[in-house]
Amino acid sequence: MSQYIAVSLGFSICLGLWAILIASNMNGHHTSEKAAIGVGFCLTALVFAWPTGFTVIQYVFLFIYFVCLIIKKPGKIHAFHWGVGLSLAPYLLIVSIWIAIAIQNQSHFRERFPMVSLADRLGMPPVSLPEEAWNQEMKDRLANLEEQVNQERETMVENVLKRVHETTVRQFLESEGLGQGRRISISESIIDSRVKERTGPYRQEGPSFDSNHADLSKLRRPWEKGTNTLDRLHAKSVVDFSFPEAFGYIQDRDHVAGFQSHRFGDWSEELSHQNVTHVDLVSLLLHDPPVVYHSDELPRMDRVQSMPTRPLNSFESASLERIKKGEDLIVADLSEGWLMMGAIRNLQQCVQCHGGKRGDLLGAFAYSIRKRVK
């Protein structure tokens, strides 16, 4: 704030001195009139640059101006009227131009990033998690995922879209800054560099494992045999699939701008490094009973309508029942590696669109993971 005021004062003084210099060359005008022209430019510059927008000082200034218009007496008031009149003209001109540019840019971005509804994409409400299933381990896991999503979220684009869809002319006039702070516009190239694109397709490394060889009586959590890296793998997968960079601006599920559907990026190299050969998405909200989207591409929600589906296999059915009761990761040991199912739960950032409450079940990933070759 102090920087804005310092610049405002400096700007207004310079403009005032310049106006006085011009006024000194005017013939037929009293010295007081010439001085008033300079003072008027100073006041207008200060008003125009004042950091808090349309404040009391500006209303007082305009009130005095209109009083001068009515009185029109000679002498000092006439001189002040002269100065204010000359200084108010460029102020109104510049503000009018900026408002026109702001409205034009606002219309452009509203057309490029329109408000849409996601209600028809979201299907049924999340599967509610029983209160007794909550434990500290789950709370810590949800908090960790929410923190990672916030770190990946593109807040600059979100803030720009919020201003585009919520800013009015009145808010424009009342906003802070030396003009720049009042602008709704932003460079198109900056938006393009920030709005991430995941075109794909991103291929799976291989087919999923056969669940018929899994011993369903020995299903376990991943950290029971020192394989806690699987826990980190699933957390990274959930964050990458949620695509936080493309959340856009969300008022509610019926008013969303700039949102791109959940999908994996070029995650195949990381999955290959973790020896993951295949990832399937288990759909709970769009199908009853649940099905699995099975494809040679990594899952992405914008293509689920064309993806083939299959019923849950024995491992997935048994794991889903445990996940509905509060577990997050279930592993089955195979000779060639592991089958793993991981829950996709309702994070705080998801509730606004998906509804339900934090921790509810949205879906799951089914992984086929081969053992490392020593």
Protein backbone atom coordinates (compact mmCIF):
# COMPACT_ATOMS: atom_id res chain seq x y z
CA MET A 1 0.00 0.00 0.00
CA SER A 2 2.77 2.48 0.89
CA GLN A 3 4.49 1.83 -2.43
CA TYR A 4 1.28 2.63 -4.30
CA ILE A 5 0.84 5.88 -2.37
CA ALA A 6 4.46 6.93 -2.97
CA VAL A 7 4.14 6.31 -6.70
CA SER A 8 0.77 8.07 -6.75
CA LEU A 9 2.19 11.18 -5.08
CA GLY A 10 5.24 11.23 -7.34
CA PHE A 11 3.13 10.76 -10.45
CA SER A 12 0.66 13.47 -9.47
CA ILE A 13 3.39 16.01 -8.59
CA CYS A 14 5.17 15.48 -11.90
CA LEU A 15 1.94 15.81 -13.84
CA GLY A 16 1.02 18.92 -11.88
CA LEU A 17 4.36 20.61 -12.57
CA TRP A 18 3.97 19.78 -16.24
CA ALA A 19 0.49 21.33 -16.27
CA ILE A 20 1.74 24.49 -14.51
CA LEU A 21 4.50 24.80 -17.12
CA ILE A 22 1.91 24.66 -19.88
CA ALA A 23 -0.38 27.06 -18.06
CA SER A 24 2.43 29.62 -17.66
CA ASN A 25 2.41 30.08 -21.43
CA MET A 26 -1.33 30.76 -21.55
CA ASN A 27 -2.23 34.37 -22.36
CA GLY A 28 -5.21 36.14 -20.94
CA HIS A 29 -5.52 34.10 -17.77
CA HIS A 30 -4.94 35.16 -14.20
CA THR A 31 -1.99 33.61 -12.34
CA SER A 32 -4.42 31.92 -9.95
CA GLU A 33 -6.14 30.23 -12.88
CA LYS A 34 -2.83 28.93 -14.18
CA ALA A 35 -1.93 27.62 -10.75
CA ALA A 36 -5.37 26.02 -10.41
CA ILE A 37 -4.86 24.13 -13.65
CA GLY A 38 -1.69 22.61 -12.22
CA VAL A 39 -3.40 21.84 -8.90
CA GLY A 40 -6.31 20.29 -10.74
CA PHE A 41 -4.00 17.97 -12.69
CA CYS A 42 -2.25 17.02 -9.42
CA LEU A 43 -5.54 16.17 -7.73
CA THR A 44 -6.82 14.18 -10.69
CA ALA A 45 -3.59 12.23 -10.99
CA LEU A 46 -3.69 11.44 -7.28
CA VAL A 47 -7.33 10.41 -7.47
CA PHE A 48 -6.73 8.29 -10.55
CA ALA A 49 -3.72 6.53 -9.03
CA TRP A 50 -5.05 6.16 -5.48
CA PRO A 51 -4.53 2.49 -4.54
CA THR A 52 -7.88 1.79 -2.90
CA GLY A 53 -10.05 2.71 -5.83
CA PHE A 54 -13.10 4.97 -5.47
CA THR A 55 -12.62 6.25 -1.91
CA VAL A 56 -13.92 9.22 0.07
CA ILE A 57 -11.25 11.55 -1.33
CA GLN A 58 -12.50 10.91 -4.84
CA TYR A 59 -16.13 11.54 -3.95
CA VAL A 60 -15.15 14.80 -2.22
CA PHE A 61 -13.15 15.81 -5.27
CA LEU A 62 -16.08 15.18 -7.63
CA PHE A 63 -18.49 16.97 -5.25
CA ILE A 64 -16.32 20.12 -5.28
CA TYR A 65 -16.14 19.94 -9.06
CA PHE A 66 -19.92 19.87 -9.47
CA VAL A 67 -20.31 22.69 -6.92
CA CYS A 68 -17.92 24.74 -9.07
CA LEU A 69 -20.03 23.98 -12.13
CA ILE A 70 -23.13 25.32 -10.41
CA ILE A 71 -21.64 28.43 -8.77
CA LYS A 72 -19.48 29.68 -11.65
CA LYS A 73 -18.21 32.70 -9.75
CA PRO A 74 -15.17 34.63 -10.91
CA GLY A 75 -11.88 34.59 -9.16
CA LYS A 76 -10.43 31.61 -7.40
CA ILE A 77 -13.46 29.38 -7.73
CA HIS A 78 -13.55 30.05 -11.47
CA ALA A 79 -9.86 29.23 -11.64
CA PHE A 80 -10.36 26.03 -9.70
CA HIS A 81 -13.25 25.20 -12.02
CA TRP A 82 -10.89 25.66 -14.94
CA GLY A 83 -8.23 23.40 -13.46
CA VAL A 84 -10.62 20.68 -12.43
CA GLY A 85 -12.39 20.72 -15.78
CA LEU A 86 -9.20 20.35 -17.78
CA SER A 87 -7.83 17.64 -15.51
CA LEU A 88 -11.04 15.61 -15.29
CA ALA A 89 -11.29 15.14 -19.06
CA PRO A 90 -8.19 12.91 -19.50
CA TYR A 91 -9.15 11.01 -16.34
CA LEU A 92 -12.57 10.12 -17.73
CA LEU A 93 -11.10 9.35 -21.15
CA ILE A 94 -8.47 6.95 -19.79
CA VAL A 95 -10.91 5.20 -17.45
CA SER A 96 -13.44 4.81 -20.28
CA ILE A 97 -10.81 3.26 -22.54
CA TRP A 98 -9.69 0.87 -19.80
CA ILE A 99 -13.26 -0.16 -19.03
CA ALA A 100 -13.89 -0.86 -22.74
CA ILE A 101 -10.71 -2.95 -23.00
CA ALA A 102 -11.54 -4.80 -19.79
CA ILE A 103 -15.07 -5.64 -20.97
CA GLN A 104 -13.75 -6.81 -24.34
CA ASN A 105 -11.14 -9.08 -22.73
CA GLN A 106 -13.65 -10.32 -20.21
CA SER A 107 -16.05 -11.31 -23.01
CA HIS A 108 -13.25 -13.07 -24.88
CA PHE A 109 -12.21 -15.20 -21.90
CA ARG A 110 -15.82 -15.92 -20.96
CA GLU A 111 -16.33 -17.25 -24.47
CA ARG A 112 -13.14 -19.31 -24.38
CA PHE A 113 -13.77 -20.64 -20.84
CA PRO A 114 -17.57 -20.70 -20.48
CA MET A 115 -19.40 -21.76 -17.35
CA VAL A 116 -20.63 -25.35 -17.77
CA SER A 117 -22.38 -27.90 -15.59
CA LEU A 118 -20.69 -31.16 -14.56
CA ALA A 119 -23.84 -32.64 -13.04
CA ASP A 120 -24.55 -34.96 -15.97
CA ARG A 121 -20.99 -36.37 -15.89
CA LEU A 122 -20.82 -37.25 -12.21
CA GLY A 123 -23.41 -40.00 -11.93
CA MET A 124 -24.48 -41.34 -8.54
CA PRO A 125 -23.38 -39.87 -5.19
CA PRO A 126 -20.15 -41.27 -3.67
CA VAL A 127 -20.31 -44.46 -1.65
CA SER A 128 -20.59 -43.31 1.95
CA LEU A 129 -17.88 -44.40 4.37
CA PRO A 130 -19.12 -45.57 7.79
CA GLU A 131 -18.02 -43.33 10.64
CA GLU A 132 -16.59 -46.30 12.55
CA ALA A 133 -14.22 -46.97 9.63
CA TRP A 134 -12.34 -43.73 10.21
CA ASN A 135 -8.94 -44.03 11.86
CA GLN A 136 -5.83 -41.89 12.17
CA GLU A 137 -4.12 -43.72 9.33
CA MET A 138 -6.90 -42.80 6.91
CA LYS A 139 -7.02 -39.20 8.14
CA ASP A 140 -3.27 -38.85 7.58
CA ARG A 141 -3.53 -40.36 4.12
CA LEU A 142 -6.36 -38.03 3.07
CA ALA A 143 -4.52 -34.99 4.44
CA ASN A 144 -1.38 -35.98 2.54
CA LEU A 145 -3.29 -36.41 -0.73
CA GLU A 146 -5.06 -33.05 -0.27
CA GLU A 147 -1.73 -31.33 0.30
CA GLN A 148 -0.28 -32.88 -2.87
CA VAL A 149 -3.32 -31.84 -4.91
CA ASN A 150 -3.02 -28.25 -3.63
CA GLN A 151 0.66 -28.18 -4.61
CA GLU A 152 -0.21 -29.25 -8.16
CA ARG A 153 -3.24 -26.99 -8.52
CA GLU A 154 -2.89 -24.10 -10.98
CA THR A 155 -4.07 -21.23 -8.81
CA MET A 156 -3.13 -18.46 -11.24
CA VAL A 157 -5.52 -19.70 -13.94
CA GLU A 158 -8.17 -20.37 -11.30
CA ASN A 159 -7.92 -16.79 -10.01
CA VAL A 160 -8.01 -15.33 -13.52
CA LEU A 161 -11.14 -17.31 -14.41
CA LYS A 162 -12.74 -16.27 -11.14
CA ARG A 163 -12.15 -12.60 -11.96
CA VAL A 164 -13.39 -13.11 -15.52
CA HIS A 165 -16.70 -14.61 -14.41
CA GLU A 166 -17.30 -12.58 -11.25
CA THR A 167 -15.86 -9.11 -11.91
CA THR A 168 -18.32 -6.35 -12.73
CA VAL A 169 -17.69 -2.78 -13.86
CA ARG A 170 -18.25 -1.56 -10.31
CA GLN A 171 -15.67 -4.01 -8.96
CA PHE A 172 -13.31 -2.84 -11.71
CA LEU A 173 -13.62 0.77 -10.52
CA GLU A 174 -13.18 -0.17 -6.87
CA SER A 175 -10.16 -2.45 -7.33
CA GLU A 176 -6.67 -1.43 -6.24
CA GLY A 177 -3.63 -0.34 -8.14
CA LEU A 178 -2.24 2.16 -10.60
CA GLY A 179 -4.59 1.09 -13.33
CA GLN A 180 -2.80 -2.23 -13.78
CA GLY A 181 -4.53 -3.64 -10.71
CA ARG A 182 -7.88 -2.68 -12.25
CA ARG A 183 -7.38 -4.64 -15.44
CA ILE A 184 -9.34 -7.85 -15.96
CA SER A 185 -7.23 -8.82 -18.93
CA ILE A 186 -4.18 -11.05 -18.91
CA SER A 187 -1.81 -12.15 -21.61
CA GLU A 188 -3.24 -14.95 -23.74
CA SER A 189 0.20 -16.52 -23.98
CA ILE A 190 0.44 -16.75 -20.18
CA ILE A 191 -2.91 -18.53 -20.02
CA ASP A 192 -1.83 -20.92 -22.79
CA SER A 193 1.40 -21.72 -20.97
CA ARG A 194 -0.46 -22.40 -17.71
CA VAL A 195 -3.42 -24.39 -19.06
CA LYS A 196 -2.06 -27.91 -19.26
CA GLU A 197 -2.97 -30.26 -22.08
CA ARG A 198 -2.97 -34.05 -21.87
CA THR A 199 -3.86 -35.28 -25.30
CA GLY A 200 -2.44 -38.81 -25.18
CA PRO A 201 -3.08 -41.59 -25.81
CA TYR A 202 -0.75 -42.98 -23.15
CA ARG A 203 -0.30 -46.72 -23.59
CA GLN A 204 -0.30 -49.40 -20.93
CA GLU A 205 2.89 -51.48 -20.74
CA GLY A 206 1.13 -54.82 -20.96
CA PRO A 207 -1.98 -56.83 -20.10
CA SER A 208 -3.41 -57.23 -16.60
CA PHE A 209 -2.63 -60.35 -14.60
CA ASP A 210 -5.01 -63.27 -14.27
CA SER A 211 -6.78 -63.06 -10.91
CA ASN A 212 -7.65 -66.79 -10.91
CA HIS A 213 -4.22 -67.48 -9.41
CA ALA A 214 -4.79 -65.14 -6.45
CA ASP A 215 -5.45 -66.71 -3.04
CA LEU A 216 -8.37 -64.63 -1.79
CA SER A 217 -7.92 -65.97 1.73
CA LYS A 218 -4.54 -64.25 1.95
CA LEU A 219 -5.37 -60.74 0.83
CA ARG A 220 -3.31 -58.22 2.77
CA ARG A 221 -2.34 -54.58 3.13
CA PRO A 222 0.80 -53.57 1.16
CA TRP A 223 2.94 -52.65 4.16
CA GLU A 224 2.54 -56.00 5.89
CA LYS A 225 5.45 -57.45 3.89
CA GLY A 226 7.65 -54.41 3.46
CA THR A 227 6.08 -53.31 0.17
CA ASN A 228 5.08 -49.83 1.35
CA THR A 229 6.38 -48.40 -1.94
CA LEU A 230 3.03 -49.58 -3.33
CA ASP A 231 1.32 -47.13 -0.99
CA ARG A 232 3.37 -44.25 -2.43
CA LEU A 233 2.70 -45.51 -5.96
CA HIS A 234 -1.06 -45.37 -5.42
CA ALA A 235 -0.91 -41.89 -3.85
CA LYS A 236 1.01 -40.54 -6.84
CA SER A 237 -1.44 -42.22 -9.22
CA VAL A 238 -4.47 -40.64 -7.54
CA VAL A 239 -2.91 -37.15 -7.67
CA ASP A 240 -1.81 -37.52 -11.29
CA PHE A 241 -5.18 -38.87 -12.41
CA SER A 242 -7.11 -36.09 -10.65
CA PHE A 243 -5.23 -33.60 -12.89
CA PRO A 244 -5.24 -30.67 -10.40
CA GLU A 245 -3.62 -28.30 -12.90
CA ALA A 246 -6.85 -28.38 -14.93
CA PHE A 247 -9.46 -27.91 -12.18
CA GLY A 248 -10.17 -24.40 -13.46
CA TYR A 249 -12.59 -22.25 -11.47
CA ILE A 250 -15.45 -23.95 -9.62
CA GLN A 251 -18.38 -22.07 -8.09
CA ASP A 252 -20.38 -25.29 -7.71
CA ARG A 253 -20.99 -28.43 -9.77
CA ASP A 254 -23.36 -26.52 -12.09
CA HIS A 255 -20.98 -23.58 -12.67
CA VAL A 256 -17.45 -24.63 -13.65
CA ALA A 257 -15.04 -22.85 -16.02
CA GLY A 258 -11.82 -24.21 -17.53
CA PHE A 259 -12.20 -27.72 -16.10
CA GLN A 260 -10.60 -30.66 -17.91
CA SER A 261 -11.75 -34.17 -17.06
CA HIS A 262 -9.66 -36.42 -14.83
CA ARG A 263 -7.01 -38.40 -16.68
CA PHE A 264 -3.50 -39.72 -16.43
CA GLY A 265 -0.74 -37.75 -18.09
CA ASP A 266 2.36 -39.34 -19.53
CA TRP A 267 2.56 -41.47 -16.40
CA SER A 268 3.59 -44.61 -18.28
CA GLU A 269 7.33 -44.10 -17.72
CA GLU A 270 6.86 -43.73 -13.96
CA LEU A 271 4.55 -46.75 -13.85
CA SER A 272 7.07 -48.77 -15.81
CA HIS A 273 9.76 -47.73 -13.34
CA GLN A 274 7.52 -49.11 -10.58
CA ASN A 275 7.02 -52.30 -12.65
CA VAL A 276 3.31 -51.60 -13.16
CA THR A 277 2.18 -53.34 -16.33
CA HIS A 278 -1.50 -52.34 -16.27
CA VAL A 279 -3.92 -50.01 -14.47
CA ASP A 280 -7.71 -50.36 -14.72
CA LEU A 281 -10.29 -47.90 -13.42
CA VAL A 282 -13.15 -49.35 -11.38
CA SER A 283 -16.36 -47.38 -11.96
CA LEU A 284 -18.74 -47.10 -9.01
CA LEU A 285 -20.70 -43.92 -9.78
CA LEU A 286 -21.67 -44.39 -13.44
CA HIS A 287 -22.55 -48.10 -13.31
CA ASP A 288 -24.64 -50.27 -11.02
CA PRO A 289 -23.34 -52.89 -10.46
CA PRO A 290 -19.74 -51.61 -10.69
CA VAL A 291 -17.67 -52.36 -13.79
CA VAL A 292 -14.04 -52.02 -14.83
CA TYR A 293 -12.94 -49.85 -17.75
CA HIS A 294 -10.49 -52.11 -19.53
CA SER A 295 -8.25 -50.59 -22.19
CA ASP A 296 -4.71 -50.63 -23.53
CA GLU A 297 -4.61 -46.89 -22.72
CA LEU A 298 -4.22 -45.38 -19.26
CA PRO A 299 -7.63 -44.38 -17.82
CA ARG A 300 -9.14 -40.99 -18.70
CA MET A 301 -12.67 -39.87 -17.95
CA ASP A 302 -13.23 -38.03 -21.24
CA ARG A 303 -13.17 -41.36 -23.11
CA VAL A 304 -15.07 -43.67 -20.77
CA GLN A 305 -18.14 -43.67 -23.02
CA SER A 306 -16.14 -45.43 -25.73
CA MET A 307 -14.00 -47.63 -23.46
CA PRO A 308 -14.86 -51.35 -23.21
CA THR A 309 -16.01 -52.54 -19.79
CA ARG A 310 -15.97 -55.88 -17.99
CA PRO A 311 -17.37 -57.21 -14.71
CA LEU A 312 -15.15 -57.20 -11.63
CA ASN A 313 -13.01 -60.31 -11.28
CA SER A 314 -12.80 -62.29 -8.05
CA PHE A 315 -9.89 -60.31 -6.63
CA GLU A 316 -11.51 -56.95 -7.43
CA SER A 317 -14.88 -57.98 -5.97
CA ALA A 318 -13.31 -59.22 -2.72
CA SER A 319 -11.08 -56.13 -2.43
CA LEU A 320 -13.94 -53.73 -3.11
CA GLU A 321 -15.94 -55.11 -0.20
CA ARG A 322 -13.02 -54.43 2.15
CA ILE A 323 -12.45 -50.96 0.67
CA LYS A 324 -16.11 -50.06 1.26
CA LYS A 325 -15.54 -50.82 4.93
CA GLY A 326 -12.64 -48.41 5.23
CA GLU A 327 -9.47 -50.08 3.96
CA ASP A 328 -7.58 -48.25 1.22
CA LEU A 329 -5.13 -50.72 -0.33
CA ILE A 330 -5.51 -54.48 -0.82
CA VAL A 331 -2.78 -56.72 -2.26
CA ALA A 332 -2.80 -60.28 -3.54
CA ASP A 333 0.51 -62.12 -4.02
CA LEU A 334 1.16 -63.89 -7.32
CA SER A 335 4.15 -65.82 -8.56
CA GLU A 336 4.86 -63.13 -11.18
CA GLY A 337 4.14 -60.17 -8.91
CA TRP A 338 1.09 -58.59 -7.26
CA LEU A 339 -2.46 -57.55 -7.85
CA MET A 340 -3.41 -54.40 -5.95
CA MET A 341 -6.61 -52.41 -5.61
CA GLY A 342 -6.48 -48.85 -4.26
CA ALA A 343 -9.39 -46.65 -3.22
CA ILE A 344 -10.08 -43.27 -4.85
CA ARG A 345 -11.69 -41.27 -2.05
CA ASN A 346 -13.46 -37.95 -1.87
CA LEU A 347 -10.85 -35.32 -1.00
CA GLN A 348 -11.83 -31.89 0.27
CA GLN A 349 -11.21 -30.49 -3.22
CA CYS A 350 -13.57 -33.10 -4.74
CA VAL A 351 -16.60 -32.53 -2.49
CA GLN A 352 -17.61 -29.32 -4.24
CA CYS A 353 -18.47 -31.21 -7.45
CA HIS A 354 -18.98 -34.83 -6.39
CA GLY A 355 -21.03 -34.06 -3.31
CA GLY A 356 -21.06 -36.46 -0.38
CA LYS A 357 -18.51 -35.93 2.34
CA ARG A 358 -14.75 -36.15 2.74
CA GLY A 359 -13.51 -39.75 2.66
CA ASP A 360 -16.44 -41.19 0.67
CA LEU A 361 -15.58 -43.68 -2.07
CA LEU A 362 -15.51 -42.42 -5.68
CA GLY A 363 -13.85 -45.37 -7.43
CA ALA A 364 -10.70 -47.49 -7.39
CA PHE A 365 -7.62 -48.43 -9.38
CA ALA A 366 -6.75 -52.08 -10.05
CA TYR A 367 -3.02 -52.57 -10.63
CA SER A 368 -0.98 -55.45 -12.07
CA ILE A 369 2.60 -55.17 -10.78
CA ARG A 370 5.39 -57.50 -11.78
CA LYS A 371 8.29 -58.44 -9.54
CA ARG A 372 11.64 -56.88 -10.19
CA VAL A 373 14.14 -59.05 -11.98
CA LYS A 374 17.29 -59.34 -9.89
